[in-house]
Amino acid sequence: MEARMDIYKLLPGAYKAMMGLQAFVNECGLDKTLTELIKIRASQINGCAFCLNMHTKEARQMGETEQRIYGLPAWEEAPYYTDKERAALALTEAVTLVSATRVPDEVYKAAQAVFTQQEIAIITMAIVAINSWNRIAITSRTLPQG
């Protein structure tokens, strides 16, 4: 398999805008481990090899365990995620699959039970950002590094 295009070189302004969104999300104070779990779960759903490679490495560097990384596809049945992580992962799945889920009220209410409105807004933007990165990487066939 080979890359289709280097979209970042073709559209540097778009890349700069995406980096701006990512920088904004990164600076909002959201727990970094939670952010990586969101990125990994969305990337699993979307099948983005590039992002999975990147974010599983980053999660490990931050001290995340293999067990929790490998367990993400079955987070609902796994006992080692917090209530906040569960709510964020449910929201991640609903937003990532928005055309099918329409982000159900029960998912949003579960998030409201453990997060402030501000935190839900930040989590939503983090989900939007990783889904955008996934779509760019998959379409351009950006290959995993290393």
N, C-alpha and C. Protein backbone atom coordinates (compact mmCIF):
# COMPACT_ATOMS: atom_id res chain seq x y z
N MET A 1 0.84 -1.17 0.00
CA MET A 1 0.00 0.00 0.00
C MET A 1 0.89 1.23 0.00
N GLU A 2 0.46 2.23 -0.72
CA GLU A 2 1.22 3.48 -0.73
C GLU A 2 0.28 4.66 -0.56
N ALA A 3 0.84 5.75 -0.10
CA ALA A 3 0.06 6.97 0.12
C ALA A 3 -0.51 7.47 -1.21
N ARG A 4 -1.68 8.05 -1.15
CA ARG A 4 -2.31 8.59 -2.35
C ARG A 4 -1.84 10.01 -2.64
N MET A 5 -1.72 10.80 -1.59
CA MET A 5 -1.31 12.20 -1.76
C MET A 5 -0.82 12.71 -0.42
N ASP A 6 -0.06 13.77 -0.46
CA ASP A 6 0.36 14.45 0.76
C ASP A 6 -0.52 15.68 0.88
N ILE A 7 -1.67 15.50 1.46
CA ILE A 7 -2.67 16.57 1.53
C ILE A 7 -2.14 17.77 2.30
N TYR A 8 -1.22 17.52 3.23
CA TYR A 8 -0.68 18.61 4.03
C TYR A 8 0.20 19.53 3.19
N LYS A 9 0.92 18.98 2.23
CA LYS A 9 1.72 19.82 1.32
C LYS A 9 0.83 20.49 0.29
N LEU A 10 -0.21 19.80 -0.14
CA LEU A 10 -1.11 20.36 -1.14
C LEU A 10 -1.95 21.51 -0.58
N LEU A 11 -2.33 21.40 0.69
CA LEU A 11 -3.20 22.40 1.32
C LEU A 11 -2.64 22.81 2.69
N PRO A 12 -1.52 23.52 2.69
CA PRO A 12 -0.92 23.89 3.98
C PRO A 12 -1.83 24.74 4.85
N GLY A 13 -2.67 25.54 4.26
CA GLY A 13 -3.60 26.36 5.05
C GLY A 13 -4.61 25.50 5.80
N ALA A 14 -5.09 24.44 5.16
CA ALA A 14 -6.02 23.54 5.82
C ALA A 14 -5.33 22.79 6.96
N TYR A 15 -4.09 22.38 6.71
CA TYR A 15 -3.32 21.70 7.76
C TYR A 15 -3.11 22.64 8.94
N LYS A 16 -2.80 23.89 8.67
CA LYS A 16 -2.60 24.88 9.74
C LYS A 16 -3.90 25.07 10.53
N ALA A 17 -5.03 25.10 9.83
CA ALA A 17 -6.32 25.24 10.51
C ALA A 17 -6.61 24.03 11.39
N MET A 18 -6.33 22.84 10.89
CA MET A 18 -6.53 21.62 11.70
C MET A 18 -5.62 21.62 12.92
N MET A 19 -4.38 22.04 12.73
CA MET A 19 -3.45 22.12 13.85
C MET A 19 -3.92 23.15 14.88
N GLY A 20 -4.56 24.20 14.40
CA GLY A 20 -5.12 25.20 15.30
C GLY A 20 -6.24 24.61 16.15
N LEU A 21 -7.12 23.84 15.53
CA LEU A 21 -8.19 23.19 16.27
C LEU A 21 -7.60 22.22 17.29
N GLN A 22 -6.61 21.43 16.87
CA GLN A 22 -5.99 20.47 17.77
C GLN A 22 -5.28 21.17 18.92
N ALA A 23 -4.61 22.26 18.64
CA ALA A 23 -3.93 23.02 19.70
C ALA A 23 -4.96 23.58 20.69
N PHE A 24 -6.07 24.06 20.17
CA PHE A 24 -7.13 24.57 21.04
C PHE A 24 -7.62 23.47 21.98
N VAL A 25 -7.92 22.30 21.43
CA VAL A 25 -8.39 21.17 22.24
C VAL A 25 -7.32 20.79 23.27
N ASN A 26 -6.08 20.73 22.83
CA ASN A 26 -4.98 20.34 23.73
C ASN A 26 -4.82 21.28 24.91
N GLU A 27 -5.16 22.55 24.71
CA GLU A 27 -4.96 23.57 25.74
C GLU A 27 -6.18 23.79 26.63
N CYS A 28 -7.24 23.03 26.42
CA CYS A 28 -8.49 23.24 27.17
C CYS A 28 -8.49 22.58 28.55
N GLY A 29 -7.45 21.86 28.88
CA GLY A 29 -7.37 21.27 30.22
C GLY A 29 -8.00 19.90 30.37
N LEU A 30 -8.42 19.29 29.28
CA LEU A 30 -8.98 17.95 29.34
C LEU A 30 -7.88 16.96 29.72
N ASP A 31 -8.20 16.01 30.56
CA ASP A 31 -7.24 15.00 30.99
C ASP A 31 -6.58 14.36 29.76
N LYS A 32 -5.26 14.32 29.74
CA LYS A 32 -4.52 13.84 28.57
C LYS A 32 -4.76 12.35 28.32
N THR A 33 -4.88 11.56 29.38
CA THR A 33 -5.16 10.14 29.20
C THR A 33 -6.54 9.94 28.58
N LEU A 34 -7.51 10.68 29.07
CA LEU A 34 -8.86 10.61 28.51
C LEU A 34 -8.85 11.01 27.04
N THR A 35 -8.11 12.05 26.74
CA THR A 35 -8.01 12.51 25.35
C THR A 35 -7.45 11.41 24.45
N GLU A 36 -6.42 10.71 24.91
CA GLU A 36 -5.85 9.62 24.10
C GLU A 36 -6.83 8.47 23.94
N LEU A 37 -7.58 8.15 24.99
CA LEU A 37 -8.59 7.09 24.87
C LEU A 37 -9.64 7.45 23.83
N ILE A 38 -10.05 8.71 23.82
CA ILE A 38 -11.01 9.20 22.82
C ILE A 38 -10.42 9.04 21.42
N LYS A 39 -9.18 9.46 21.25
CA LYS A 39 -8.53 9.38 19.94
C LYS A 39 -8.39 7.93 19.47
N ILE A 40 -8.02 7.06 20.37
CA ILE A 40 -7.85 5.65 20.00
C ILE A 40 -9.20 5.04 19.64
N ARG A 41 -10.22 5.28 20.46
CA ARG A 41 -11.52 4.65 20.19
C ARG A 41 -12.12 5.14 18.88
N ALA A 42 -12.07 6.42 18.62
CA ALA A 42 -12.60 6.93 17.34
C ALA A 42 -11.80 6.35 16.17
N SER A 43 -10.49 6.27 16.32
CA SER A 43 -9.65 5.74 15.26
C SER A 43 -9.91 4.25 15.02
N GLN A 44 -10.25 3.50 16.08
CA GLN A 44 -10.63 2.10 15.91
C GLN A 44 -11.91 1.98 15.10
N ILE A 45 -12.90 2.79 15.46
CA ILE A 45 -14.18 2.75 14.74
C ILE A 45 -13.99 3.11 13.28
N ASN A 46 -13.17 4.13 13.02
CA ASN A 46 -12.96 4.60 11.65
C ASN A 46 -11.95 3.76 10.87
N GLY A 47 -11.20 2.92 11.56
CA GLY A 47 -10.21 2.08 10.89
C GLY A 47 -9.02 2.88 10.39
N CYS A 48 -8.56 3.82 11.18
CA CYS A 48 -7.43 4.66 10.77
C CYS A 48 -6.12 4.12 11.34
N ALA A 49 -5.39 3.40 10.53
CA ALA A 49 -4.14 2.77 10.97
C ALA A 49 -3.11 3.82 11.40
N PHE A 50 -3.01 4.90 10.65
CA PHE A 50 -2.05 5.95 10.99
C PHE A 50 -2.31 6.50 12.39
N CYS A 51 -3.55 6.87 12.66
CA CYS A 51 -3.88 7.47 13.95
C CYS A 51 -3.81 6.44 15.08
N LEU A 52 -4.21 5.20 14.81
CA LEU A 52 -4.08 4.17 15.84
C LEU A 52 -2.63 3.97 16.23
N ASN A 53 -1.77 3.90 15.25
CA ASN A 53 -0.34 3.74 15.51
C ASN A 53 0.18 4.90 16.37
N MET A 54 -0.16 6.11 15.99
CA MET A 54 0.31 7.29 16.69
C MET A 54 -0.23 7.36 18.12
N HIS A 55 -1.52 7.19 18.29
CA HIS A 55 -2.13 7.45 19.58
C HIS A 55 -1.96 6.31 20.58
N THR A 56 -1.81 5.09 20.11
CA THR A 56 -1.49 4.02 21.05
C THR A 56 -0.07 4.20 21.59
N LYS A 57 0.85 4.64 20.72
CA LYS A 57 2.22 4.93 21.19
C LYS A 57 2.21 6.07 22.20
N GLU A 58 1.48 7.13 21.89
CA GLU A 58 1.42 8.28 22.80
C GLU A 58 0.78 7.89 24.14
N ALA A 59 -0.25 7.07 24.09
CA ALA A 59 -0.90 6.63 25.33
C ALA A 59 0.06 5.82 26.19
N ARG A 60 0.80 4.93 25.56
CA ARG A 60 1.79 4.14 26.30
C ARG A 60 2.84 5.05 26.93
N GLN A 61 3.31 6.03 26.19
CA GLN A 61 4.32 6.96 26.71
C GLN A 61 3.79 7.74 27.91
N MET A 62 2.49 7.93 27.96
CA MET A 62 1.87 8.65 29.08
C MET A 62 1.57 7.72 30.25
N GLY A 63 1.88 6.43 30.08
CA GLY A 63 1.67 5.48 31.17
C GLY A 63 0.43 4.64 31.06
N GLU A 64 -0.30 4.76 29.96
CA GLU A 64 -1.50 3.94 29.78
C GLU A 64 -1.10 2.48 29.65
N THR A 65 -1.93 1.59 30.17
CA THR A 65 -1.60 0.17 30.15
C THR A 65 -2.06 -0.49 28.87
N GLU A 66 -1.37 -1.57 28.53
CA GLU A 66 -1.75 -2.36 27.36
C GLU A 66 -3.18 -2.89 27.53
N GLN A 67 -3.50 -3.33 28.75
CA GLN A 67 -4.81 -3.89 29.02
C GLN A 67 -5.92 -2.90 28.66
N ARG A 68 -5.77 -1.66 29.08
CA ARG A 68 -6.80 -0.66 28.81
C ARG A 68 -6.84 -0.26 27.33
N ILE A 69 -5.69 -0.22 26.69
CA ILE A 69 -5.66 0.08 25.26
C ILE A 69 -6.33 -1.04 24.47
N TYR A 70 -5.95 -2.28 24.75
CA TYR A 70 -6.52 -3.42 24.03
C TYR A 70 -8.00 -3.62 24.34
N GLY A 71 -8.42 -3.20 25.53
CA GLY A 71 -9.80 -3.38 25.94
C GLY A 71 -10.78 -2.36 25.40
N LEU A 72 -10.29 -1.33 24.74
CA LEU A 72 -11.19 -0.26 24.29
C LEU A 72 -12.36 -0.73 23.42
N PRO A 73 -12.19 -1.67 22.50
CA PRO A 73 -13.36 -2.09 21.72
C PRO A 73 -14.47 -2.71 22.58
N ALA A 74 -14.12 -3.17 23.78
CA ALA A 74 -15.10 -3.78 24.68
C ALA A 74 -15.19 -3.01 25.99
N TRP A 75 -15.03 -1.71 25.94
CA TRP A 75 -15.00 -0.89 27.15
C TRP A 75 -16.25 -1.05 28.00
N GLU A 76 -17.39 -1.32 27.39
CA GLU A 76 -18.62 -1.44 28.16
C GLU A 76 -18.60 -2.65 29.10
N GLU A 77 -17.87 -3.69 28.73
CA GLU A 77 -17.80 -4.90 29.55
C GLU A 77 -16.56 -4.94 30.43
N ALA A 78 -15.61 -4.06 30.20
CA ALA A 78 -14.34 -4.09 30.93
C ALA A 78 -14.46 -3.29 32.23
N PRO A 79 -13.96 -3.83 33.34
CA PRO A 79 -14.12 -3.17 34.63
C PRO A 79 -13.10 -2.07 34.93
N TYR A 80 -12.17 -1.82 34.03
CA TYR A 80 -11.06 -0.92 34.36
C TYR A 80 -11.13 0.46 33.74
N TYR A 81 -12.33 0.93 33.46
CA TYR A 81 -12.52 2.31 33.01
C TYR A 81 -13.39 3.03 34.03
N THR A 82 -13.08 4.30 34.27
CA THR A 82 -13.84 5.09 35.22
C THR A 82 -15.19 5.50 34.63
N ASP A 83 -16.07 6.02 35.48
CA ASP A 83 -17.36 6.50 35.00
C ASP A 83 -17.18 7.62 33.99
N LYS A 84 -16.22 8.49 34.23
CA LYS A 84 -15.96 9.58 33.28
C LYS A 84 -15.46 9.03 31.94
N GLU A 85 -14.56 8.07 32.00
CA GLU A 85 -14.05 7.47 30.77
C GLU A 85 -15.17 6.78 30.01
N ARG A 86 -16.03 6.08 30.71
CA ARG A 86 -17.16 5.39 30.07
C ARG A 86 -18.09 6.39 29.38
N ALA A 87 -18.38 7.48 30.06
CA ALA A 87 -19.25 8.50 29.46
C ALA A 87 -18.60 9.12 28.23
N ALA A 88 -17.31 9.40 28.32
CA ALA A 88 -16.60 9.99 27.18
C ALA A 88 -16.50 9.00 26.03
N LEU A 89 -16.29 7.73 26.32
CA LEU A 89 -16.20 6.72 25.26
C LEU A 89 -17.56 6.51 24.59
N ALA A 90 -18.63 6.53 25.38
CA ALA A 90 -19.97 6.41 24.79
C ALA A 90 -20.25 7.61 23.88
N LEU A 91 -19.87 8.80 24.33
CA LEU A 91 -20.06 9.98 23.50
C LEU A 91 -19.18 9.92 22.26
N THR A 92 -17.97 9.42 22.41
CA THR A 92 -17.07 9.26 21.26
C THR A 92 -17.70 8.36 20.20
N GLU A 93 -18.24 7.24 20.63
CA GLU A 93 -18.86 6.31 19.68
C GLU A 93 -20.08 6.95 19.02
N ALA A 94 -20.91 7.63 19.81
CA ALA A 94 -22.12 8.24 19.26
C ALA A 94 -21.80 9.35 18.27
N VAL A 95 -20.84 10.20 18.58
CA VAL A 95 -20.48 11.29 17.68
C VAL A 95 -19.78 10.74 16.44
N THR A 96 -18.90 9.77 16.60
CA THR A 96 -18.19 9.19 15.47
C THR A 96 -19.17 8.53 14.50
N LEU A 97 -20.21 7.93 15.03
CA LEU A 97 -21.22 7.24 14.21
C LEU A 97 -22.50 8.06 14.13
N VAL A 98 -22.37 9.37 14.11
CA VAL A 98 -23.50 10.29 14.22
C VAL A 98 -24.60 10.03 13.18
N SER A 99 -24.25 9.62 11.98
CA SER A 99 -25.29 9.40 10.97
C SER A 99 -26.20 8.24 11.35
N ALA A 100 -25.71 7.32 12.14
CA ALA A 100 -26.51 6.18 12.59
C ALA A 100 -27.12 6.40 13.97
N THR A 101 -26.39 7.10 14.86
CA THR A 101 -26.84 7.21 16.25
C THR A 101 -27.64 8.46 16.56
N ARG A 102 -27.36 9.54 15.85
CA ARG A 102 -27.95 10.85 16.13
C ARG A 102 -27.64 11.31 17.55
N VAL A 103 -26.62 10.77 18.19
CA VAL A 103 -26.20 11.06 19.56
C VAL A 103 -27.41 10.99 20.50
N PRO A 104 -27.71 9.78 20.94
CA PRO A 104 -28.90 9.57 21.77
C PRO A 104 -28.91 10.39 23.06
N ASP A 105 -30.12 10.74 23.51
CA ASP A 105 -30.27 11.51 24.74
C ASP A 105 -29.63 10.80 25.93
N GLU A 106 -29.76 9.48 25.99
CA GLU A 106 -29.20 8.76 27.15
C GLU A 106 -27.68 8.85 27.19
N VAL A 107 -27.03 8.91 26.03
CA VAL A 107 -25.58 9.07 25.98
C VAL A 107 -25.21 10.46 26.48
N TYR A 108 -25.93 11.45 26.02
CA TYR A 108 -25.65 12.82 26.44
C TYR A 108 -25.93 13.00 27.94
N LYS A 109 -27.01 12.43 28.42
CA LYS A 109 -27.35 12.54 29.84
C LYS A 109 -26.31 11.85 30.72
N ALA A 110 -25.77 10.73 30.25
CA ALA A 110 -24.70 10.04 31.00
C ALA A 110 -23.47 10.93 31.09
N ALA A 111 -23.18 11.66 30.02
CA ALA A 111 -22.06 12.60 30.04
C ALA A 111 -22.35 13.75 31.00
N GLN A 112 -23.58 14.24 31.01
CA GLN A 112 -23.95 15.33 31.91
C GLN A 112 -23.84 14.93 33.38
N ALA A 113 -23.98 13.65 33.65
CA ALA A 113 -23.91 13.17 35.04
C ALA A 113 -22.51 13.26 35.62
N VAL A 114 -21.49 13.28 34.75
CA VAL A 114 -20.11 13.26 35.25
C VAL A 114 -19.25 14.42 34.75
N PHE A 115 -19.74 15.17 33.78
CA PHE A 115 -18.99 16.30 33.22
C PHE A 115 -19.82 17.56 33.27
N THR A 116 -19.16 18.71 33.31
CA THR A 116 -19.83 19.99 33.17
C THR A 116 -20.16 20.20 31.69
N GLN A 117 -21.01 21.18 31.42
CA GLN A 117 -21.32 21.51 30.03
C GLN A 117 -20.04 21.92 29.29
N GLN A 118 -19.18 22.67 29.97
CA GLN A 118 -17.92 23.09 29.36
C GLN A 118 -17.08 21.88 28.99
N GLU A 119 -16.98 20.91 29.90
CA GLU A 119 -16.20 19.71 29.62
C GLU A 119 -16.80 18.91 28.48
N ILE A 120 -18.12 18.83 28.41
CA ILE A 120 -18.77 18.11 27.30
C ILE A 120 -18.47 18.82 25.98
N ALA A 121 -18.46 20.14 26.01
CA ALA A 121 -18.13 20.89 24.79
C ALA A 121 -16.69 20.60 24.35
N ILE A 122 -15.77 20.55 25.31
CA ILE A 122 -14.37 20.26 24.98
C ILE A 122 -14.23 18.84 24.46
N ILE A 123 -14.88 17.89 25.12
CA ILE A 123 -14.84 16.49 24.66
C ILE A 123 -15.41 16.39 23.25
N THR A 124 -16.50 17.09 23.00
CA THR A 124 -17.10 17.08 21.65
C THR A 124 -16.10 17.59 20.62
N MET A 125 -15.40 18.67 20.93
CA MET A 125 -14.41 19.19 19.99
C MET A 125 -13.24 18.24 19.81
N ALA A 126 -12.85 17.54 20.88
CA ALA A 126 -11.79 16.54 20.76
C ALA A 126 -12.23 15.40 19.84
N ILE A 127 -13.48 15.00 19.95
CA ILE A 127 -14.02 13.94 19.08
C ILE A 127 -14.10 14.42 17.64
N VAL A 128 -14.55 15.63 17.45
CA VAL A 128 -14.61 16.21 16.10
C VAL A 128 -13.22 16.27 15.48
N ALA A 129 -12.24 16.69 16.27
CA ALA A 129 -10.87 16.81 15.75
C ALA A 129 -10.33 15.46 15.31
N ILE A 130 -10.43 14.43 16.15
CA ILE A 130 -9.85 13.14 15.77
C ILE A 130 -10.61 12.53 14.60
N ASN A 131 -11.91 12.73 14.53
CA ASN A 131 -12.65 12.22 13.37
C ASN A 131 -12.20 12.92 12.09
N SER A 132 -11.92 14.20 12.18
CA SER A 132 -11.41 14.93 11.01
C SER A 132 -10.03 14.40 10.61
N TRP A 133 -9.15 14.24 11.59
CA TRP A 133 -7.81 13.69 11.29
C TRP A 133 -7.94 12.30 10.67
N ASN A 134 -8.83 11.47 11.21
CA ASN A 134 -9.03 10.12 10.66
C ASN A 134 -9.45 10.19 9.20
N ARG A 135 -10.37 11.05 8.89
CA ARG A 135 -10.89 11.13 7.52
C ARG A 135 -9.82 11.64 6.55
N ILE A 136 -9.01 12.56 7.01
CA ILE A 136 -7.91 13.05 6.18
C ILE A 136 -6.89 11.93 5.95
N ALA A 137 -6.48 11.25 7.00
CA ALA A 137 -5.46 10.20 6.89
C ALA A 137 -5.96 9.01 6.06
N ILE A 138 -7.21 8.63 6.25
CA ILE A 138 -7.74 7.49 5.50
C ILE A 138 -7.88 7.83 4.02
N THR A 139 -8.42 9.00 3.73
CA THR A 139 -8.62 9.40 2.32
C THR A 139 -7.29 9.53 1.59
N SER A 140 -6.32 10.15 2.24
CA SER A 140 -5.01 10.35 1.59
C SER A 140 -4.11 9.12 1.73
N ARG A 141 -4.59 8.15 2.50
CA ARG A 141 -3.86 6.92 2.79
C ARG A 141 -2.50 7.24 3.40
N THR A 142 -2.53 8.05 4.44
CA THR A 142 -1.31 8.35 5.19
C THR A 142 -0.90 7.09 5.93
N LEU A 143 0.32 6.66 5.71
CA LEU A 143 0.78 5.39 6.25
C LEU A 143 1.35 5.54 7.65
N PRO A 144 1.14 4.53 8.51
CA PRO A 144 1.71 4.56 9.86
C PRO A 144 3.23 4.69 9.80
N GLN A 145 3.77 5.39 10.78
CA GLN A 145 5.21 5.59 10.87
C GLN A 145 5.84 4.52 11.76
N GLY A 146 7.00 4.04 11.39
CA GLY A 146 7.77 3.11 12.20
C GLY A 146 7.12 1.76 12.29
